[in-house]
């Protein structure tokens, strides 16, 4: 039973801390450190791994019958991971941003 509780603590702590770590990896300070291609690939690989694992664990916690507080933590974790992905790659920026000039563009 002790090892099961330890596993639950490890999984929940990964869900809690993976989002802020992903946001830190996508910060301006961390981006300025990646001058070479090797460090850029290493940073993006780490970011991809932490985002995939964090989102999968958060989705599994949402599906399983757990208290609402834990589900809320999992939802916040998913939101921070999506924000970190958007900050690094800009996948959702064109859907979230609004063009004030309309579809015609600027004249």
PDB file of N, CA and C in Angstrom:
ATOM      1  N   UNK A   1       0.814  -1.199   0.000  1.00  0.00           N
ATOM      2  CA  UNK A   1       0.000   0.000   0.000  1.00  0.00           C
ATOM      3  C   UNK A   1       0.855   1.258   0.000  1.00  0.00           C
ATOM      4  N   UNK A   2       2.017   1.150   0.651  1.00  0.00           N
ATOM      5  CA  UNK A   2       2.889   2.306   0.724  1.00  0.00           C
ATOM      6  C   UNK A   2       3.432   2.675  -0.653  1.00  0.00           C
ATOM      7  N   UNK A   3       3.741   1.670  -1.460  1.00  0.00           N
ATOM      8  CA  UNK A   3       4.262   1.944  -2.795  1.00  0.00           C
ATOM      9  C   UNK A   3       3.176   2.514  -3.710  1.00  0.00           C
ATOM     10  N   UNK A   4       1.930   2.120  -3.511  1.00  0.00           N
ATOM     11  CA  UNK A   4       0.829   2.678  -4.296  1.00  0.00           C
ATOM     12  C   UNK A   4       0.617   4.152  -3.959  1.00  0.00           C
ATOM     13  N   UNK A   5       0.718   4.489  -2.700  1.00  0.00           N
ATOM     14  CA  UNK A   5       0.603   5.895  -2.299  1.00  0.00           C
ATOM     15  C   UNK A   5       1.767   6.715  -2.852  1.00  0.00           C
ATOM     16  N   UNK A   6       2.953   6.126  -2.870  1.00  0.00           N
ATOM     17  CA  UNK A   6       4.112   6.809  -3.429  1.00  0.00           C
ATOM     18  C   UNK A   6       3.930   7.038  -4.931  1.00  0.00           C
ATOM     19  N   UNK A   7       3.388   6.059  -5.645  1.00  0.00           N
ATOM     20  CA  UNK A   7       3.125   6.212  -7.065  1.00  0.00           C
ATOM     21  C   UNK A   7       2.091   7.309  -7.315  1.00  0.00           C
ATOM     22  N   UNK A   8       1.056   7.363  -6.500  1.00  0.00           N
ATOM     23  CA  UNK A   8       0.039   8.406  -6.652  1.00  0.00           C
ATOM     24  C   UNK A   8       0.627   9.790  -6.404  1.00  0.00           C
ATOM     25  N   UNK A   9       1.504   9.914  -5.434  1.00  0.00           N
ATOM     26  CA  UNK A   9       2.141  11.200  -5.143  1.00  0.00           C
ATOM     27  C   UNK A   9       3.048  11.610  -6.296  1.00  0.00           C
ATOM     28  N   UNK A  10       3.779  10.664  -6.851  1.00  0.00           N
ATOM     29  CA  UNK A  10       4.668  10.974  -7.973  1.00  0.00           C
ATOM     30  C   UNK A  10       3.869  11.421  -9.187  1.00  0.00           C
ATOM     31  N   UNK A  11       2.785  10.716  -9.512  1.00  0.00           N
ATOM     32  CA  UNK A  11       1.965  11.090 -10.667  1.00  0.00           C
ATOM     33  C   UNK A  11       1.299  12.447 -10.471  1.00  0.00           C
ATOM     34  N   UNK A  12       0.763  12.684  -9.293  1.00  0.00           N
ATOM     35  CA  UNK A  12       0.105  13.963  -9.034  1.00  0.00           C
ATOM     36  C   UNK A  12       1.113  15.114  -9.016  1.00  0.00           C
ATOM     37  N   UNK A  13       2.298  14.879  -8.476  1.00  0.00           N
ATOM     38  CA  UNK A  13       3.302  15.941  -8.491  1.00  0.00           C
ATOM     39  C   UNK A  13       3.790  16.222  -9.910  1.00  0.00           C
ATOM     40  N   UNK A  14       3.849  15.195 -10.764  1.00  0.00           N
ATOM     41  CA  UNK A  14       4.214  15.440 -12.158  1.00  0.00           C
ATOM     42  C   UNK A  14       3.139  16.260 -12.855  1.00  0.00           C
ATOM     43  N   UNK A  15       1.881  15.981 -12.564  1.00  0.00           N
ATOM     44  CA  UNK A  15       0.788  16.767 -13.154  1.00  0.00           C
ATOM     45  C   UNK A  15       0.862  18.217 -12.680  1.00  0.00           C
ATOM     46  N   UNK A  16       1.167  18.413 -11.417  1.00  0.00           N
ATOM     47  CA  UNK A  16       1.202  19.767 -10.867  1.00  0.00           C
ATOM     48  C   UNK A  16       2.393  20.554 -11.403  1.00  0.00           C
ATOM     49  N   UNK A  17       3.576  19.941 -11.480  1.00  0.00           N
ATOM     50  CA  UNK A  17       4.784  20.687 -11.804  1.00  0.00           C
ATOM     51  C   UNK A  17       5.181  20.660 -13.272  1.00  0.00           C
ATOM     52  N   UNK A  18       4.578  19.811 -14.092  1.00  0.00           N
ATOM     53  CA  UNK A  18       4.991  19.759 -15.495  1.00  0.00           C
ATOM     54  C   UNK A  18       4.540  20.993 -16.274  1.00  0.00           C
ATOM     55  N   UNK A  19       3.393  21.552 -15.928  1.00  0.00           N
ATOM     56  CA  UNK A  19       2.927  22.764 -16.599  1.00  0.00           C
ATOM     57  C   UNK A  19       3.831  23.964 -16.360  1.00  0.00           C
ATOM     58  N   UNK A  20       4.160  24.287 -15.107  1.00  0.00           N
ATOM     59  CA  UNK A  20       5.079  25.399 -14.872  1.00  0.00           C
ATOM     60  C   UNK A  20       6.476  25.169 -15.450  1.00  0.00           C
ATOM     61  N   UNK A  21       6.950  23.932 -15.464  1.00  0.00           N
ATOM     62  CA  UNK A  21       8.255  23.662 -16.074  1.00  0.00           C
ATOM     63  C   UNK A  21       8.184  23.905 -17.578  1.00  0.00           C
ATOM     64  N   UNK A  22       7.082  23.503 -18.210  1.00  0.00           N
ATOM     65  CA  UNK A  22       6.916  23.754 -19.641  1.00  0.00           C
ATOM     66  C   UNK A  22       6.844  25.256 -19.924  1.00  0.00           C
ATOM     67  N   UNK A  23       6.183  26.006 -19.066  1.00  0.00           N
ATOM     68  CA  UNK A  23       6.151  27.456 -19.242  1.00  0.00           C
ATOM     69  C   UNK A  23       7.536  28.070 -19.053  1.00  0.00           C
ATOM     70  N   UNK A  24       8.314  27.532 -18.120  1.00  0.00           N
ATOM     71  CA  UNK A  24       9.673  28.032 -17.920  1.00  0.00           C
ATOM     72  C   UNK A  24      10.554  27.741 -19.127  1.00  0.00           C
ATOM     73  N   UNK A  25      10.388  26.558 -19.722  1.00  0.00           N
ATOM     74  CA  UNK A  25      11.204  26.192 -20.881  1.00  0.00           C
ATOM     75  C   UNK A  25      10.873  27.085 -22.074  1.00  0.00           C
ATOM     76  N   UNK A  26       9.645  27.598 -22.150  1.00  0.00           N
ATOM     77  CA  UNK A  26       9.264  28.466 -23.263  1.00  0.00           C
ATOM     78  C   UNK A  26       9.423  29.945 -22.945  1.00  0.00           C
ATOM     79  N   UNK A  27      10.034  30.277 -21.804  1.00  0.00           N
ATOM     80  CA  UNK A  27      10.209  31.682 -21.451  1.00  0.00           C
ATOM     81  C   UNK A  27      11.261  32.336 -22.339  1.00  0.00           C
ATOM     82  N   UNK A  28      11.290  33.653 -22.332  1.00  0.00           N
ATOM     83  CA  UNK A  28      12.268  34.386 -23.138  1.00  0.00           C
ATOM     84  C   UNK A  28      13.690  34.098 -22.688  1.00  0.00           C
ATOM     85  N   UNK A  29      13.872  33.970 -21.391  1.00  0.00           N
ATOM     86  CA  UNK A  29      15.187  33.690 -20.861  1.00  0.00           C
ATOM     87  C   UNK A  29      15.711  32.353 -21.382  1.00  0.00           C
ATOM     88  N   UNK A  30      14.856  31.317 -21.366  1.00  0.00           N
ATOM     89  CA  UNK A  30      15.273  29.997 -21.849  1.00  0.00           C
ATOM     90  C   UNK A  30      15.463  29.999 -23.363  1.00  0.00           C
ATOM     91  N   UNK A  31      14.659  30.781 -24.081  1.00  0.00           N
ATOM     92  CA  UNK A  31      14.819  30.854 -25.532  1.00  0.00           C
ATOM     93  C   UNK A  31      16.121  31.557 -25.905  1.00  0.00           C
ATOM     94  N   UNK A  32      16.545  32.533 -25.117  1.00  0.00           N
ATOM     95  CA  UNK A  32      17.800  33.225 -25.388  1.00  0.00           C
ATOM     96  C   UNK A  32      19.015  32.340 -25.145  1.00  0.00           C
ATOM     97  N   UNK A  33      18.865  31.316 -24.318  1.00  0.00           N
ATOM     98  CA  UNK A  33      19.966  30.397 -24.061  1.00  0.00           C
ATOM     99  C   UNK A  33      20.216  29.453 -25.235  1.00  0.00           C
ATOM    100  N   UNK A  34      19.203  29.242 -26.059  1.00  0.00           N
ATOM    101  CA  UNK A  34      19.329  28.273 -27.148  1.00  0.00           C
ATOM    102  C   UNK A  34      19.816  28.958 -28.424  1.00  0.00           C
ATOM    103  N   UNK A  35      21.089  29.343 -28.420  1.00  0.00           N
ATOM    104  CA  UNK A  35      21.679  29.984 -29.591  1.00  0.00           C
ATOM    105  C   UNK A  35      22.024  28.964 -30.670  1.00  0.00           C
ATOM    106  N   UNK A  36      22.508  27.803 -30.265  1.00  0.00           N
ATOM    107  CA  UNK A  36      22.888  26.794 -31.260  1.00  0.00           C
ATOM    108  C   UNK A  36      21.700  25.898 -31.591  1.00  0.00           C
ATOM    109  N   UNK A  37      21.792  25.243 -32.717  1.00  0.00           N
ATOM    110  CA  UNK A  37      20.724  24.331 -33.158  1.00  0.00           C
ATOM    111  C   UNK A  37      20.611  23.129 -32.230  1.00  0.00           C
ATOM    112  N   UNK A  38      21.751  22.671 -31.704  1.00  0.00           N
ATOM    113  CA  UNK A  38      21.742  21.511 -30.819  1.00  0.00           C
ATOM    114  C   UNK A  38      20.948  21.794 -29.553  1.00  0.00           C
ATOM    115  N   UNK A  39      21.174  22.934 -28.948  1.00  0.00           N
ATOM    116  CA  UNK A  39      20.446  23.281 -27.724  1.00  0.00           C
ATOM    117  C   UNK A  39      18.973  23.528 -28.032  1.00  0.00           C
ATOM    118  N   UNK A  40      18.674  24.112 -29.186  1.00  0.00           N
ATOM    119  CA  UNK A  40      17.290  24.329 -29.583  1.00  0.00           C
ATOM    120  C   UNK A  40      16.549  23.008 -29.749  1.00  0.00           C
ATOM    121  N   UNK A  41      17.178  22.045 -30.407  1.00  0.00           N
ATOM    122  CA  UNK A  41      16.560  20.731 -30.586  1.00  0.00           C
ATOM    123  C   UNK A  41      16.403  20.033 -29.250  1.00  0.00           C
ATOM    124  N   UNK A  42      17.398  20.144 -28.385  1.00  0.00           N
ATOM    125  CA  UNK A  42      17.317  19.536 -27.053  1.00  0.00           C
ATOM    126  C   UNK A  42      16.198  20.160 -26.226  1.00  0.00           C
ATOM    127  N   UNK A  43      16.081  21.478 -26.268  1.00  0.00           N
ATOM    128  CA  UNK A  43      15.032  22.171 -25.506  1.00  0.00           C
ATOM    129  C   UNK A  43      13.654  21.819 -26.027  1.00  0.00           C
ATOM    130  N   UNK A  44      13.493  21.783 -27.349  1.00  0.00           N
ATOM    131  CA  UNK A  44      12.189  21.444 -27.916  1.00  0.00           C
ATOM    132  C   UNK A  44      11.832  19.974 -27.707  1.00  0.00           C
ATOM    133  N   UNK A  45      12.822  19.098 -27.706  1.00  0.00           N
ATOM    134  CA  UNK A  45      12.559  17.685 -27.421  1.00  0.00           C
ATOM    135  C   UNK A  45      12.105  17.508 -25.976  1.00  0.00           C
ATOM    136  N   UNK A  46      12.784  18.198 -25.061  1.00  0.00           N
ATOM    137  CA  UNK A  46      12.379  18.149 -23.654  1.00  0.00           C
ATOM    138  C   UNK A  46      10.979  18.709 -23.478  1.00  0.00           C
ATOM    139  N   UNK A  47      10.685  19.799 -24.170  1.00  0.00           N
ATOM    140  CA  UNK A  47       9.366  20.407 -24.083  1.00  0.00           C
ATOM    141  C   UNK A  47       8.291  19.475 -24.635  1.00  0.00           C
ATOM    142  N   UNK A  48       8.566  18.830 -25.745  1.00  0.00           N
ATOM    143  CA  UNK A  48       7.594  17.901 -26.325  1.00  0.00           C
ATOM    144  C   UNK A  48       7.343  16.718 -25.396  1.00  0.00           C
ATOM    145  N   UNK A  49       8.397  16.179 -24.811  1.00  0.00           N
ATOM    146  CA  UNK A  49       8.239  15.040 -23.910  1.00  0.00           C
ATOM    147  C   UNK A  49       7.445  15.414 -22.665  1.00  0.00           C
ATOM    148  N   UNK A  50       7.762  16.552 -22.086  1.00  0.00           N
ATOM    149  CA  UNK A  50       7.057  16.956 -20.870  1.00  0.00           C
ATOM    150  C   UNK A  50       5.597  17.308 -21.165  1.00  0.00           C
ATOM    151  N   UNK A  51       5.334  17.892 -22.338  1.00  0.00           N
ATOM    152  CA  UNK A  51       3.958  18.223 -22.694  1.00  0.00           C
ATOM    153  C   UNK A  51       3.135  16.979 -22.971  1.00  0.00           C
ATOM    154  N   UNK A  52       3.692  16.042 -23.699  1.00  0.00           N
ATOM    155  CA  UNK A  52       2.943  14.816 -24.010  1.00  0.00           C
ATOM    156  C   UNK A  52       2.645  14.028 -22.737  1.00  0.00           C
ATOM    157  N   UNK A  53       3.664  13.830 -21.905  1.00  0.00           N
ATOM    158  CA  UNK A  53       3.445  13.077 -20.667  1.00  0.00           C
ATOM    159  C   UNK A  53       2.484  13.799 -19.722  1.00  0.00           C
ATOM    160  N   UNK A  54       2.655  15.095 -19.582  1.00  0.00           N
ATOM    161  CA  UNK A  54       1.778  15.849 -18.686  1.00  0.00           C
ATOM    162  C   UNK A  54       0.332  15.861 -19.153  1.00  0.00           C
ATOM    163  N   UNK A  55       0.119  16.013 -20.457  1.00  0.00           N
ATOM    164  CA  UNK A  55      -1.254  16.024 -20.967  1.00  0.00           C
ATOM    165  C   UNK A  55      -1.889  14.642 -20.896  1.00  0.00           C
ATOM    166  N   UNK A  56      -1.128  13.593 -21.183  1.00  0.00           N
ATOM    167  CA  UNK A  56      -1.685  12.245 -21.089  1.00  0.00           C
ATOM    168  C   UNK A  56      -2.038  11.877 -19.650  1.00  0.00           C
ATOM    169  N   UNK A  57      -1.171  12.219 -18.727  1.00  0.00           N
ATOM    170  CA  UNK A  57      -1.478  11.949 -17.320  1.00  0.00           C
ATOM    171  C   UNK A  57      -2.679  12.775 -16.849  1.00  0.00           C
ATOM    172  N   UNK A  58      -2.766  14.010 -17.289  1.00  0.00           N
ATOM    173  CA  UNK A  58      -3.894  14.856 -16.895  1.00  0.00           C
ATOM    174  C   UNK A  58      -5.206  14.327 -17.477  1.00  0.00           C
ATOM    175  N   UNK A  59      -5.168  13.885 -18.724  1.00  0.00           N
ATOM    176  CA  UNK A  59      -6.379  13.310 -19.327  1.00  0.00           C
ATOM    177  C   UNK A  59      -6.788  12.024 -18.635  1.00  0.00           C
ATOM    178  N   UNK A  60      -5.823  11.220 -18.247  1.00  0.00           N
ATOM    179  CA  UNK A  60      -6.174   9.987 -17.542  1.00  0.00           C
ATOM    180  C   UNK A  60      -6.762  10.274 -16.165  1.00  0.00           C
ATOM    181  N   UNK A  61      -6.282  11.332 -15.519  1.00  0.00           N
ATOM    182  CA  UNK A  61      -6.849  11.697 -14.219  1.00  0.00           C
ATOM    183  C   UNK A  61      -8.270  12.236 -14.381  1.00  0.00           C
ATOM    184  N   UNK A  62      -8.527  12.957 -15.471  1.00  0.00           N
ATOM    185  CA  UNK A  62      -9.872  13.482 -15.696  1.00  0.00           C
ATOM    186  C   UNK A  62     -10.867  12.351 -15.947  1.00  0.00           C
ATOM    187  N   UNK A  63     -10.441  11.315 -16.644  1.00  0.00           N
ATOM    188  CA  UNK A  63     -11.343  10.202 -16.971  1.00  0.00           C
ATOM    189  C   UNK A  63     -11.648   9.340 -15.758  1.00  0.00           C
ATOM    190  N   UNK A  64     -10.680   9.131 -14.886  1.00  0.00           N
ATOM    191  CA  UNK A  64     -10.834   8.270 -13.717  1.00  0.00           C
ATOM    192  C   UNK A  64     -11.670   8.979 -12.654  1.00  0.00           C
ATOM    193  N   UNK A  65     -12.348   8.189 -11.833  1.00  0.00           N
ATOM    194  CA  UNK A  65     -13.166   8.742 -10.755  1.00  0.00           C
ATOM    195  C   UNK A  65     -12.269   9.205  -9.604  1.00  0.00           C
ATOM    196  N   UNK A  66     -11.998  10.498  -9.561  1.00  0.00           N
ATOM    197  CA  UNK A  66     -11.195  11.112  -8.504  1.00  0.00           C
ATOM    198  C   UNK A  66     -11.961  12.319  -7.968  1.00  0.00           C
ATOM    199  N   UNK A  67     -11.546  12.879  -6.859  1.00  0.00           N
ATOM    200  CA  UNK A  67     -12.224  14.065  -6.330  1.00  0.00           C
ATOM    201  C   UNK A  67     -12.157  15.244  -7.304  1.00  0.00           C
ATOM    202  N   UNK A  68     -13.132  16.149  -7.213  1.00  0.00           N
ATOM    203  CA  UNK A  68     -13.165  17.292  -8.139  1.00  0.00           C
ATOM    204  C   UNK A  68     -11.940  18.205  -8.058  1.00  0.00           C
ATOM    205  N   UNK A  69     -11.311  18.299  -6.920  1.00  0.00           N
ATOM    206  CA  UNK A  69     -10.127  19.148  -6.779  1.00  0.00           C
ATOM    207  C   UNK A  69      -8.991  18.614  -7.650  1.00  0.00           C
ATOM    208  N   UNK A  70      -8.829  17.307  -7.672  1.00  0.00           N
ATOM    209  CA  UNK A  70      -7.777  16.696  -8.486  1.00  0.00           C
ATOM    210  C   UNK A  70      -8.094  16.873  -9.977  1.00  0.00           C
ATOM    211  N   UNK A  71      -9.373  16.765 -10.332  1.00  0.00           N
ATOM    212  CA  UNK A  71      -9.760  17.002 -11.727  1.00  0.00           C
ATOM    213  C   UNK A  71      -9.513  18.451 -12.124  1.00  0.00           C
ATOM    214  N   UNK A  72      -9.743  19.376 -11.210  1.00  0.00           N
ATOM    215  CA  UNK A  72      -9.485  20.784 -11.475  1.00  0.00           C
ATOM    216  C   UNK A  72      -7.991  21.025 -11.691  1.00  0.00           C
ATOM    217  N   UNK A  73      -7.156  20.383 -10.887  1.00  0.00           N
ATOM    218  CA  UNK A  73      -5.710  20.493 -11.059  1.00  0.00           C
ATOM    219  C   UNK A  73      -5.296  19.939 -12.419  1.00  0.00           C
ATOM    220  N   UNK A  74      -5.914  18.849 -12.836  1.00  0.00           N
ATOM    221  CA  UNK A  74      -5.599  18.256 -14.138  1.00  0.00           C
ATOM    222  C   UNK A  74      -6.022  19.182 -15.284  1.00  0.00           C
ATOM    223  N   UNK A  75      -7.166  19.836 -15.150  1.00  0.00           N
ATOM    224  CA  UNK A  75      -7.618  20.771 -16.185  1.00  0.00           C
ATOM    225  C   UNK A  75      -6.676  21.972 -16.266  1.00  0.00           C
ATOM    226  N   UNK A  76      -6.255  22.493 -15.132  1.00  0.00           N
ATOM    227  CA  UNK A  76      -5.292  23.600 -15.116  1.00  0.00           C
ATOM    228  C   UNK A  76      -3.969  23.166 -15.750  1.00  0.00           C
ATOM    229  N   UNK A  77      -3.566  21.935 -15.512  1.00  0.00           N
ATOM    230  CA  UNK A  77      -2.345  21.418 -16.123  1.00  0.00           C
ATOM    231  C   UNK A  77      -2.471  21.348 -17.641  1.00  0.00           C
ATOM    232  N   UNK A  78      -3.607  20.898 -18.142  1.00  0.00           N
ATOM    233  CA  UNK A  78      -3.814  20.846 -19.592  1.00  0.00           C
ATOM    234  C   UNK A  78      -3.786  22.251 -20.189  1.00  0.00           C
ATOM    235  N   UNK A  79      -4.407  23.195 -19.517  1.00  0.00           N
ATOM    236  CA  UNK A  79      -4.422  24.577 -20.016  1.00  0.00           C
ATOM    237  C   UNK A  79      -3.006  25.151 -20.064  1.00  0.00           C
ATOM    238  N   UNK A  80      -2.197  24.898 -19.049  1.00  0.00           N
ATOM    239  CA  UNK A  80      -0.832  25.420 -19.068  1.00  0.00           C
ATOM    240  C   UNK A  80       0.011  24.739 -20.147  1.00  0.00           C
ATOM    241  N   UNK A  81      -0.244  23.464 -20.403  1.00  0.00           N
ATOM    242  CA  UNK A  81       0.488  22.784 -21.472  1.00  0.00           C
ATOM    243  C   UNK A  81       0.097  23.326 -22.843  1.00  0.00           C
ATOM    244  N   UNK A  82      -1.170  23.568 -23.047  1.00  0.00           N
ATOM    245  CA  UNK A  82      -1.607  24.138 -24.325  1.00  0.00           C
ATOM    246  C   UNK A  82      -1.022  25.542 -24.494  1.00  0.00           C
ATOM    247  N   UNK A  83      -0.989  26.322 -23.425  1.00  0.00           N
ATOM    248  CA  UNK A  83      -0.405  27.655 -23.488  1.00  0.00           C
ATOM    249  C   UNK A  83       1.089  27.589 -23.807  1.00  0.00           C
ATOM    250  N   UNK A  84       1.793  26.613 -23.215  1.00  0.00           N
ATOM    251  CA  UNK A  84       3.227  26.463 -23.493  1.00  0.00           C
ATOM    252  C   UNK A  84       3.470  26.033 -24.940  1.00  0.00           C
ATOM    253  N   UNK A  85       2.632  25.145 -25.456  1.00  0.00           N
ATOM    254  CA  UNK A  85       2.756  24.731 -26.856  1.00  0.00           C
ATOM    255  C   UNK A  85       2.502  25.914 -27.774  1.00  0.00           C
ATOM    256  N   UNK A  86       1.500  26.700 -27.455  1.00  0.00           N
ATOM    257  CA  UNK A  86       1.197  27.876 -28.269  1.00  0.00           C
ATOM    258  C   UNK A  86       2.333  28.896 -28.201  1.00  0.00           C
ATOM    259  N   UNK A  87       2.932  29.052 -27.040  1.00  0.00           N
ATOM    260  CA  UNK A  87       4.016  30.011 -26.891  1.00  0.00           C
ATOM    261  C   UNK A  87       5.266  29.587 -27.646  1.00  0.00           C
ATOM    262  N   UNK A  88       5.486  28.282 -27.750  1.00  0.00           N
ATOM    263  CA  UNK A  88       6.685  27.807 -28.438  1.00  0.00           C
ATOM    264  C   UNK A  88       6.487  27.715 -29.948  1.00  0.00           C
ATOM    265  N   UNK A  89       5.386  27.134 -30.366  1.00  0.00           N
ATOM    266  CA  UNK A  89       5.192  26.862 -31.787  1.00  0.00           C
ATOM    267  C   UNK A  89       4.172  27.771 -32.457  1.00  0.00           C
ATOM    268  N   UNK A  90       3.291  28.405 -31.701  1.00  0.00           N
ATOM    269  CA  UNK A  90       2.288  29.293 -32.276  1.00  0.00           C
ATOM    270  C   UNK A  90       1.186  28.578 -33.030  1.00  0.00           C
ATOM    271  N   UNK A  91       0.813  27.378 -32.572  1.00  0.00           N
ATOM    272  CA  UNK A  91      -0.220  26.607 -33.262  1.00  0.00           C
ATOM    273  C   UNK A  91      -1.585  27.275 -33.218  1.00  0.00           C
ATOM    274  N   UNK A  92      -1.954  27.799 -32.060  1.00  0.00           N
ATOM    275  CA  UNK A  92      -3.305  28.298 -31.869  1.00  0.00           C
ATOM    276  C   UNK A  92      -3.401  29.812 -31.968  1.00  0.00           C
ATOM    277  N   UNK A  93      -2.306  30.487 -32.268  1.00  0.00           N
ATOM    278  CA  UNK A  93      -2.306  31.941 -32.275  1.00  0.00           C
ATOM    279  C   UNK A  93      -3.207  32.514 -33.357  1.00  0.00           C
ATOM    280  N   UNK A  94      -3.231  31.895 -34.513  1.00  0.00           N
ATOM    281  CA  UNK A  94      -4.054  32.442 -35.584  1.00  0.00           C
ATOM    282  C   UNK A  94      -5.535  32.205 -35.335  1.00  0.00           C
ATOM    283  N   UNK A  95      -5.890  31.213 -34.515  1.00  0.00           N
ATOM    284  CA  UNK A  95      -7.296  31.021 -34.175  1.00  0.00           C
ATOM    285  C   UNK A  95      -7.724  31.927 -33.022  1.00  0.00           C
ATOM    286  N   UNK A  96      -6.800  32.231 -32.142  1.00  0.00           N
ATOM    287  CA  UNK A  96      -7.141  33.023 -30.967  1.00  0.00           C
ATOM    288  C   UNK A  96      -7.061  34.523 -31.214  1.00  0.00           C
ATOM    289  N   UNK A  97      -6.190  34.926 -32.118  1.00  0.00           N
ATOM    290  CA  UNK A  97      -6.062  36.355 -32.372  1.00  0.00           C
ATOM    291  C   UNK A  97      -7.132  36.818 -33.353  1.00  0.00           C
ATOM    292  N   UNK A  98      -7.502  38.049 -33.214  1.00  0.00           N
ATOM    293  CA  UNK A  98      -8.560  38.612 -34.047  1.00  0.00           C
ATOM    294  C   UNK A  98      -7.956  39.716 -34.896  1.00  0.00           C
ATOM    295  N   UNK A  99      -8.244  39.703 -36.188  1.00  0.00           N
ATOM    296  CA  UNK A  99      -7.758  40.730 -37.088  1.00  0.00           C
ATOM    297  C   UNK A  99      -8.730  41.913 -37.018  1.00  0.00           C
ATOM    298  N   UNK A 100      -8.305  43.072 -36.520  1.00  0.00           N
ATOM    299  CA  UNK A 100      -9.232  44.196 -36.378  1.00  0.00           C
ATOM    300  C   UNK A 100      -9.634  44.800 -37.723  1.00  0.00           C
ATOM    301  N   UNK A 101      -8.890  44.487 -38.777  1.00  0.00           N
ATOM    302  CA  UNK A 101      -9.214  45.055 -40.078  1.00  0.00           C
ATOM    303  C   UNK A 101     -10.146  44.162 -40.888  1.00  0.00           C
ATOM    304  N   UNK A 102     -10.501  43.035 -40.366  1.00  0.00           N
ATOM    305  CA  UNK A 102     -11.387  42.149 -41.098  1.00  0.00           C
ATOM    306  C   UNK A 102     -10.633  41.299 -42.099  1.00  0.00           C
ATOM    307  N   UNK A 103     -11.355  40.549 -42.922  1.00  0.00           N
ATOM    308  CA  UNK A 103     -10.680  39.667 -43.879  1.00  0.00           C
ATOM    309  C   UNK A 103     -10.027  40.399 -45.034  1.00  0.00           C
ATOM    310  N   UNK A 104     -10.333  41.677 -45.220  1.00  0.00           N
ATOM    311  CA  UNK A 104      -9.762  42.416 -46.331  1.00  0.00           C
ATOM    312  C   UNK A 104      -8.290  42.748 -46.112  1.00  0.00           C
ATOM    313  N   UNK A 105      -7.893  42.880 -44.852  1.00  0.00           N
ATOM    314  CA  UNK A 105      -6.521  43.254 -44.550  1.00  0.00           C
ATOM    315  C   UNK A 105      -6.360  44.746 -44.467  1.00  0.00           C
ATOM    316  N   UNK A 106      -5.130  45.189 -44.413  1.00  0.00           N
ATOM    317  CA  UNK A 106      -4.856  46.609 -44.283  1.00  0.00           C
ATOM    318  C   UNK A 106      -4.761  47.253 -45.663  1.00  0.00           C
ATOM    319  N   UNK A 107      -5.171  48.476 -45.716  1.00  0.00           N
ATOM    320  CA  UNK A 107      -5.080  49.240 -46.983  1.00  0.00           C
ATOM    321  C   UNK A 107      -4.132  50.384 -46.815  1.00  0.00           C
TER     322      UNK A 107
END
